[in-house]
Amino acid sequence: MDFDTEREVLLLLKRTMYAYGQGLLLVTHRVGLAKQADRIMILKQGSIAGEGAHEELALGANEYAEAYQQIIQETIK
């Protein structure tokens, strides 16, 4: 899914969540999309390998931080 379509889908999901007072479980490999979540859980080989907000996980020593740093490096290039 391209960035614009992703943004539109996420906006519609958020509107629906707030309208009905529901939560949303989103599974993604995209750090940019995960960054939008209130709480992120890192799964590794079927187990929870970490959890927290983007700010916490981005500074830690985990797969999420590695993926986030890679995105930052690609943006700088």
PDB file of N, CA and C in Angstrom:
ATOM      1  N   MET A   1       0.855  -1.158   0.000  1.00  0.00           N
ATOM      2  CA  MET A   1       0.000   0.000   0.000  1.00  0.00           C
ATOM      3  C   MET A   1       0.909   1.231   0.000  1.00  0.00           C
ATOM      4  N   ASP A   2       0.599   2.207  -0.827  1.00  0.00           N
ATOM      5  CA  ASP A   2       1.423   3.413  -0.875  1.00  0.00           C
ATOM      6  C   ASP A   2       1.115   4.311   0.328  1.00  0.00           C
ATOM      7  N   PHE A   3       1.953   5.307   0.530  1.00  0.00           N
ATOM      8  CA  PHE A   3       1.866   6.166   1.714  1.00  0.00           C
ATOM      9  C   PHE A   3       0.517   6.873   1.802  1.00  0.00           C
ATOM     10  N   ASP A   4       0.033   7.447   0.700  1.00  0.00           N
ATOM     11  CA  ASP A   4      -1.226   8.196   0.728  1.00  0.00           C
ATOM     12  C   ASP A   4      -2.409   7.293   1.065  1.00  0.00           C
ATOM     13  N   THR A   5      -2.448   6.104   0.469  1.00  0.00           N
ATOM     14  CA  THR A   5      -3.530   5.158   0.753  1.00  0.00           C
ATOM     15  C   THR A   5      -3.459   4.701   2.206  1.00  0.00           C
ATOM     16  N   GLU A   6      -2.253   4.426   2.686  1.00  0.00           N
ATOM     17  CA  GLU A   6      -2.065   4.022   4.080  1.00  0.00           C
ATOM     18  C   GLU A   6      -2.590   5.093   5.022  1.00  0.00           C
ATOM     19  N   ARG A   7      -2.280   6.332   4.732  1.00  0.00           N
ATOM     20  CA  ARG A   7      -2.730   7.447   5.575  1.00  0.00           C
ATOM     21  C   ARG A   7      -4.257   7.535   5.583  1.00  0.00           C
ATOM     22  N   GLU A   8      -4.895   7.375   4.425  1.00  0.00           N
ATOM     23  CA  GLU A   8      -6.360   7.425   4.341  1.00  0.00           C
ATOM     24  C   GLU A   8      -7.008   6.280   5.118  1.00  0.00           C
ATOM     25  N   VAL A   9      -6.462   5.083   4.969  1.00  0.00           N
ATOM     26  CA  VAL A   9      -7.007   3.915   5.680  1.00  0.00           C
ATOM     27  C   VAL A   9      -6.866   4.110   7.183  1.00  0.00           C
ATOM     28  N   LEU A  10      -5.713   4.575   7.626  1.00  0.00           N
ATOM     29  CA  LEU A  10      -5.489   4.799   9.051  1.00  0.00           C
ATOM     30  C   LEU A  10      -6.443   5.854   9.594  1.00  0.00           C
ATOM     31  N   LEU A  11      -6.679   6.907   8.848  1.00  0.00           N
ATOM     32  CA  LEU A  11      -7.618   7.951   9.274  1.00  0.00           C
ATOM     33  C   LEU A  11      -9.031   7.387   9.417  1.00  0.00           C
ATOM     34  N   LEU A  12      -9.460   6.585   8.458  1.00  0.00           N
ATOM     35  CA  LEU A  12     -10.793   5.975   8.538  1.00  0.00           C
ATOM     36  C   LEU A  12     -10.897   5.025   9.722  1.00  0.00           C
ATOM     37  N   LEU A  13      -9.843   4.253   9.972  1.00  0.00           N
ATOM     38  CA  LEU A  13      -9.855   3.344  11.124  1.00  0.00           C
ATOM     39  C   LEU A  13      -9.951   4.118  12.429  1.00  0.00           C
ATOM     40  N   LYS A  14      -9.198   5.210  12.550  1.00  0.00           N
ATOM     41  CA  LYS A  14      -9.237   6.020  13.770  1.00  0.00           C
ATOM     42  C   LYS A  14     -10.619   6.618  13.980  1.00  0.00           C
ATOM     43  N   ARG A  15     -11.222   7.127  12.916  1.00  0.00           N
ATOM     44  CA  ARG A  15     -12.567   7.691  13.034  1.00  0.00           C
ATOM     45  C   ARG A  15     -13.560   6.633  13.510  1.00  0.00           C
ATOM     46  N   THR A  16     -13.456   5.439  12.960  1.00  0.00           N
ATOM     47  CA  THR A  16     -14.356   4.348  13.341  1.00  0.00           C
ATOM     48  C   THR A  16     -14.130   3.953  14.795  1.00  0.00           C
ATOM     49  N   MET A  17     -12.875   3.857  15.201  1.00  0.00           N
ATOM     50  CA  MET A  17     -12.569   3.511  16.593  1.00  0.00           C
ATOM     51  C   MET A  17     -13.191   4.510  17.555  1.00  0.00           C
ATOM     52  N   TYR A  18     -13.002   5.799  17.284  1.00  0.00           N
ATOM     53  CA  TYR A  18     -13.520   6.827  18.186  1.00  0.00           C
ATOM     54  C   TYR A  18     -15.040   6.870  18.165  1.00  0.00           C
ATOM     55  N   ALA A  19     -15.637   6.677  17.002  1.00  0.00           N
ATOM     56  CA  ALA A  19     -17.090   6.723  16.884  1.00  0.00           C
ATOM     57  C   ALA A  19     -17.756   5.609  17.681  1.00  0.00           C
ATOM     58  N   TYR A  20     -17.140   4.432  17.703  1.00  0.00           N
ATOM     59  CA  TYR A  20     -17.741   3.280  18.372  1.00  0.00           C
ATOM     60  C   TYR A  20     -17.063   2.937  19.693  1.00  0.00           C
ATOM     61  N   GLY A  21     -16.069   3.718  20.099  1.00  0.00           N
ATOM     62  CA  GLY A  21     -15.386   3.464  21.362  1.00  0.00           C
ATOM     63  C   GLY A  21     -14.648   2.142  21.380  1.00  0.00           C
ATOM     64  N   GLN A  22     -14.099   1.743  20.247  1.00  0.00           N
ATOM     65  CA  GLN A  22     -13.414   0.462  20.117  1.00  0.00           C
ATOM     66  C   GLN A  22     -11.903   0.653  20.003  1.00  0.00           C
ATOM     67  N   GLY A  23     -11.173  -0.401  20.267  1.00  0.00           N
ATOM     68  CA  GLY A  23      -9.734  -0.434  20.070  1.00  0.00           C
ATOM     69  C   GLY A  23      -9.422  -1.103  18.744  1.00  0.00           C
ATOM     70  N   LEU A  24      -8.169  -1.117  18.403  1.00  0.00           N
ATOM     71  CA  LEU A  24      -7.744  -1.702  17.138  1.00  0.00           C
ATOM     72  C   LEU A  24      -6.429  -2.440  17.341  1.00  0.00           C
ATOM     73  N   LEU A  25      -6.381  -3.662  16.864  1.00  0.00           N
ATOM     74  CA  LEU A  25      -5.142  -4.427  16.852  1.00  0.00           C
ATOM     75  C   LEU A  25      -4.624  -4.372  15.429  1.00  0.00           C
ATOM     76  N   LEU A  26      -3.459  -3.774  15.256  1.00  0.00           N
ATOM     77  CA  LEU A  26      -2.867  -3.598  13.937  1.00  0.00           C
ATOM     78  C   LEU A  26      -1.561  -4.378  13.888  1.00  0.00           C
ATOM     79  N   VAL A  27      -1.419  -5.226  12.902  1.00  0.00           N
ATOM     80  CA  VAL A  27      -0.196  -6.000  12.727  1.00  0.00           C
ATOM     81  C   VAL A  27       0.530  -5.427  11.519  1.00  0.00           C
ATOM     82  N   THR A  28       1.780  -5.007  11.720  1.00  0.00           N
ATOM     83  CA  THR A  28       2.528  -4.383  10.637  1.00  0.00           C
ATOM     84  C   THR A  28       4.030  -4.598  10.809  1.00  0.00           C
ATOM     85  N   HIS A  29       4.724  -4.542   9.696  1.00  0.00           N
ATOM     86  CA  HIS A  29       6.191  -4.542   9.712  1.00  0.00           C
ATOM     87  C   HIS A  29       6.715  -3.130   9.503  1.00  0.00           C
ATOM     88  N   ARG A  30       5.817  -2.199   9.267  1.00  0.00           N
ATOM     89  CA  ARG A  30       6.196  -0.830   8.945  1.00  0.00           C
ATOM     90  C   ARG A  30       6.296   0.004  10.218  1.00  0.00           C
ATOM     91  N   VAL A  31       7.506   0.456  10.521  1.00  0.00           N
ATOM     92  CA  VAL A  31       7.729   1.230  11.740  1.00  0.00           C
ATOM     93  C   VAL A  31       6.932   2.530  11.712  1.00  0.00           C
ATOM     94  N   GLY A  32       6.846   3.157  10.551  1.00  0.00           N
ATOM     95  CA  GLY A  32       6.095   4.403  10.450  1.00  0.00           C
ATOM     96  C   GLY A  32       4.639   4.245  10.839  1.00  0.00           C
ATOM     97  N   LEU A  33       4.064   3.124  10.519  1.00  0.00           N
ATOM     98  CA  LEU A  33       2.681   2.848  10.880  1.00  0.00           C
ATOM     99  C   LEU A  33       2.580   2.464  12.359  1.00  0.00           C
ATOM    100  N   ALA A  34       3.512   1.665  12.823  1.00  0.00           N
ATOM    101  CA  ALA A  34       3.518   1.264  14.240  1.00  0.00           C
ATOM    102  C   ALA A  34       3.690   2.484  15.148  1.00  0.00           C
ATOM    103  N   LYS A  35       4.436   3.465  14.665  1.00  0.00           N
ATOM    104  CA  LYS A  35       4.697   4.688  15.431  1.00  0.00           C
ATOM    105  C   LYS A  35       3.405   5.403  15.817  1.00  0.00           C
ATOM    106  N   GLN A  36       2.334   5.207  15.057  1.00  0.00           N
ATOM    107  CA  GLN A  36       1.038   5.841  15.315  1.00  0.00           C
ATOM    108  C   GLN A  36       0.312   5.225  16.515  1.00  0.00           C
ATOM    109  N   ALA A  37       0.727   4.038  16.919  1.00  0.00           N
ATOM    110  CA  ALA A  37       0.010   3.304  17.972  1.00  0.00           C
ATOM    111  C   ALA A  37       0.289   3.869  19.359  1.00  0.00           C
ATOM    112  N   ASP A  38      -0.667   3.694  20.255  1.00  0.00           N
ATOM    113  CA  ASP A  38      -0.481   4.071  21.658  1.00  0.00           C
ATOM    114  C   ASP A  38       0.470   3.094  22.346  1.00  0.00           C
ATOM    115  N   ARG A  39       0.385   1.838  21.938  1.00  0.00           N
ATOM    116  CA  ARG A  39       1.198   0.780  22.553  1.00  0.00           C
ATOM    117  C   ARG A  39       1.650  -0.172  21.458  1.00  0.00           C
ATOM    118  N   ILE A  40       2.924  -0.497  21.458  1.00  0.00           N
ATOM    119  CA  ILE A  40       3.513  -1.380  20.451  1.00  0.00           C
ATOM    120  C   ILE A  40       4.022  -2.627  21.151  1.00  0.00           C
ATOM    121  N   MET A  41       3.748  -3.771  20.560  1.00  0.00           N
ATOM    122  CA  MET A  41       4.273  -5.038  21.080  1.00  0.00           C
ATOM    123  C   MET A  41       5.153  -5.650  20.004  1.00  0.00           C
ATOM    124  N   ILE A  42       6.354  -6.037  20.375  1.00  0.00           N
ATOM    125  CA  ILE A  42       7.283  -6.669  19.447  1.00  0.00           C
ATOM    126  C   ILE A  42       7.164  -8.178  19.624  1.00  0.00           C
ATOM    127  N   LEU A  43       6.841  -8.864  18.549  1.00  0.00           N
ATOM    128  CA  LEU A  43       6.736 -10.320  18.587  1.00  0.00           C
ATOM    129  C   LEU A  43       7.963 -10.929  17.929  1.00  0.00           C
ATOM    130  N   LYS A  44       8.525 -11.932  18.578  1.00  0.00           N
ATOM    131  CA  LYS A  44       9.682 -12.640  18.038  1.00  0.00           C
ATOM    132  C   LYS A  44       9.492 -14.120  18.305  1.00  0.00           C
ATOM    133  N   GLN A  45       9.410 -14.898  17.260  1.00  0.00           N
ATOM    134  CA  GLN A  45       9.223 -16.344  17.337  1.00  0.00           C
ATOM    135  C   GLN A  45       8.025 -16.712  18.212  1.00  0.00           C
ATOM    136  N   GLY A  46       6.934 -15.958  18.034  1.00  0.00           N
ATOM    137  CA  GLY A  46       5.694 -16.267  18.725  1.00  0.00           C
ATOM    138  C   GLY A  46       5.583 -15.772  20.152  1.00  0.00           C
ATOM    139  N   SER A  47       6.590 -15.070  20.642  1.00  0.00           N
ATOM    140  CA  SER A  47       6.554 -14.544  22.009  1.00  0.00           C
ATOM    141  C   SER A  47       6.715 -13.032  21.995  1.00  0.00           C
ATOM    142  N   ILE A  48       6.226 -12.385  23.032  1.00  0.00           N
ATOM    143  CA  ILE A  48       6.378 -10.938  23.145  1.00  0.00           C
ATOM    144  C   ILE A  48       7.807 -10.640  23.578  1.00  0.00           C
ATOM    145  N   ALA A  49       8.545  -9.939  22.710  1.00  0.00           N
ATOM    146  CA  ALA A  49       9.947  -9.634  22.978  1.00  0.00           C
ATOM    147  C   ALA A  49      10.132  -8.220  23.511  1.00  0.00           C
ATOM    148  N   GLY A  50       9.068  -7.444  23.532  1.00  0.00           N
ATOM    149  CA  GLY A  50       9.135  -6.087  24.055  1.00  0.00           C
ATOM    150  C   GLY A  50       7.809  -5.391  23.849  1.00  0.00           C
ATOM    151  N   GLU A  51       7.577  -4.346  24.644  1.00  0.00           N
ATOM    152  CA  GLU A  51       6.368  -3.561  24.485  1.00  0.00           C
ATOM    153  C   GLU A  51       6.565  -2.179  25.082  1.00  0.00           C
ATOM    154  N   GLY A  52       5.805  -1.240  24.554  1.00  0.00           N
ATOM    155  CA  GLY A  52       5.884   0.130  25.042  1.00  0.00           C
ATOM    156  C   GLY A  52       5.458   1.108  23.967  1.00  0.00           C
ATOM    157  N   ALA A  53       5.652   2.373  24.253  1.00  0.00           N
ATOM    158  CA  ALA A  53       5.356   3.425  23.290  1.00  0.00           C
ATOM    159  C   ALA A  53       6.540   3.557  22.331  1.00  0.00           C
ATOM    160  N   HIS A  54       6.309   4.201  21.197  1.00  0.00           N
ATOM    161  CA  HIS A  54       7.367   4.393  20.203  1.00  0.00           C
ATOM    162  C   HIS A  54       8.612   5.018  20.839  1.00  0.00           C
ATOM    163  N   GLU A  55       8.417   6.059  21.634  1.00  0.00           N
ATOM    164  CA  GLU A  55       9.548   6.775  22.228  1.00  0.00           C
ATOM    165  C   GLU A  55      10.423   5.858  23.072  1.00  0.00           C
ATOM    166  N   GLU A  56       9.796   4.959  23.823  1.00  0.00           N
ATOM    167  CA  GLU A  56      10.548   4.020  24.663  1.00  0.00           C
ATOM    168  C   GLU A  56      11.300   3.002  23.809  1.00  0.00           C
ATOM    169  N   LEU A  57      10.591   2.404  22.872  1.00  0.00           N
ATOM    170  CA  LEU A  57      11.170   1.334  22.066  1.00  0.00           C
ATOM    171  C   LEU A  57      12.243   1.836  21.112  1.00  0.00           C
ATOM    172  N   ALA A  58      12.075   3.043  20.594  1.00  0.00           N
ATOM    173  CA  ALA A  58      13.047   3.588  19.636  1.00  0.00           C
ATOM    174  C   ALA A  58      14.403   3.829  20.290  1.00  0.00           C
ATOM    175  N   LEU A  59      14.425   3.999  21.596  1.00  0.00           N
ATOM    176  CA  LEU A  59      15.674   4.248  22.308  1.00  0.00           C
ATOM    177  C   LEU A  59      16.290   2.984  22.903  1.00  0.00           C
ATOM    178  N   GLY A  60      15.567   1.876  22.832  1.00  0.00           N
ATOM    179  CA  GLY A  60      16.030   0.638  23.447  1.00  0.00           C
ATOM    180  C   GLY A  60      16.942  -0.177  22.559  1.00  0.00           C
ATOM    181  N   ALA A  61      17.332  -1.329  23.056  1.00  0.00           N
ATOM    182  CA  ALA A  61      18.161  -2.283  22.305  1.00  0.00           C
ATOM    183  C   ALA A  61      17.248  -3.419  21.865  1.00  0.00           C
ATOM    184  N   ASN A  62      16.538  -3.225  20.758  1.00  0.00           N
ATOM    185  CA  ASN A  62      15.595  -4.222  20.282  1.00  0.00           C
ATOM    186  C   ASN A  62      15.422  -4.093  18.775  1.00  0.00           C
ATOM    187  N   GLU A  63      14.663  -4.997  18.189  1.00  0.00           N
ATOM    188  CA  GLU A  63      14.444  -4.992  16.739  1.00  0.00           C
ATOM    189  C   GLU A  63      13.742  -3.726  16.274  1.00  0.00           C
ATOM    190  N   TYR A  64      12.849  -3.208  17.096  1.00  0.00           N
ATOM    191  CA  TYR A  64      12.136  -1.982  16.732  1.00  0.00           C
ATOM    192  C   TYR A  64      13.115  -0.821  16.593  1.00  0.00           C
ATOM    193  N   ALA A  65      13.989  -0.663  17.566  1.00  0.00           N
ATOM    194  CA  ALA A  65      14.980   0.420  17.516  1.00  0.00           C
ATOM    195  C   ALA A  65      15.895   0.260  16.309  1.00  0.00           C
ATOM    196  N   GLU A  66      16.297  -0.965  16.004  1.00  0.00           N
ATOM    197  CA  GLU A  66      17.150  -1.211  14.842  1.00  0.00           C
ATOM    198  C   GLU A  66      16.440  -0.820  13.541  1.00  0.00           C
ATOM    199  N   ALA A  67      15.179  -1.203  13.421  1.00  0.00           N
ATOM    200  CA  ALA A  67      14.404  -0.866  12.226  1.00  0.00           C
ATOM    201  C   ALA A  67      14.211   0.648  12.128  1.00  0.00           C
ATOM    202  N   TYR A  68      13.960   1.291  13.241  1.00  0.00           N
ATOM    203  CA  TYR A  68      13.762   2.739  13.254  1.00  0.00           C
ATOM    204  C   TYR A  68      15.050   3.464  12.858  1.00  0.00           C
ATOM    205  N   GLN A  69      16.180   3.011  13.387  1.00  0.00           N
ATOM    206  CA  GLN A  69      17.469   3.617  13.030  1.00  0.00           C
ATOM    207  C   GLN A  69      17.771   3.432  11.548  1.00  0.00           C
ATOM    208  N   GLN A  70      17.410   2.290  10.996  1.00  0.00           N
ATOM    209  CA  GLN A  70      17.624   2.038   9.572  1.00  0.00           C
ATOM    210  C   GLN A  70      16.812   3.022   8.726  1.00  0.00           C
ATOM    211  N   ILE A  71      15.578   3.285   9.128  1.00  0.00           N
ATOM    212  CA  ILE A  71      14.744   4.246   8.416  1.00  0.00           C
ATOM    213  C   ILE A  71      15.368   5.634   8.473  1.00  0.00           C
ATOM    214  N   ILE A  72      15.852   6.017   9.636  1.00  0.00           N
ATOM    215  CA  ILE A  72      16.483   7.329   9.788  1.00  0.00           C
ATOM    216  C   ILE A  72      17.709   7.437   8.880  1.00  0.00           C
ATOM    217  N   GLN A  73      18.523   6.393   8.851  1.00  0.00           N
ATOM    218  CA  GLN A  73      19.727   6.396   8.004  1.00  0.00           C
ATOM    219  C   GLN A  73      19.357   6.495   6.522  1.00  0.00           C
ATOM    220  N   GLU A  74      18.315   5.799   6.094  1.00  0.00           N
ATOM    221  CA  GLU A  74      17.892   5.845   4.693  1.00  0.00           C
ATOM    222  C   GLU A  74      17.359   7.225   4.334  1.00  0.00           C
ATOM    223  N   THR A  75      16.714   7.889   5.293  1.00  0.00           N
ATOM    224  CA  THR A  75      16.174   9.217   5.056  1.00  0.00           C
ATOM    225  C   THR A  75      17.303  10.242   4.891  1.00  0.00           C
ATOM    226  N   ILE A  76      18.384  10.054   5.645  1.00  0.00           N
ATOM    227  CA  ILE A  76      19.520  10.970   5.581  1.00  0.00           C
ATOM    228  C   ILE A  76      20.251  10.869   4.251  1.00  0.00           C
ATOM    229  N   LYS A  77      20.305   9.673   3.696  1.00  0.00           N
ATOM    230  CA  LYS A  77      21.042   9.457   2.435  1.00  0.00           C
ATOM    231  C   LYS A  77      20.483  10.203   1.290  1.00  0.00           C
TER     232      LYS A  77
END
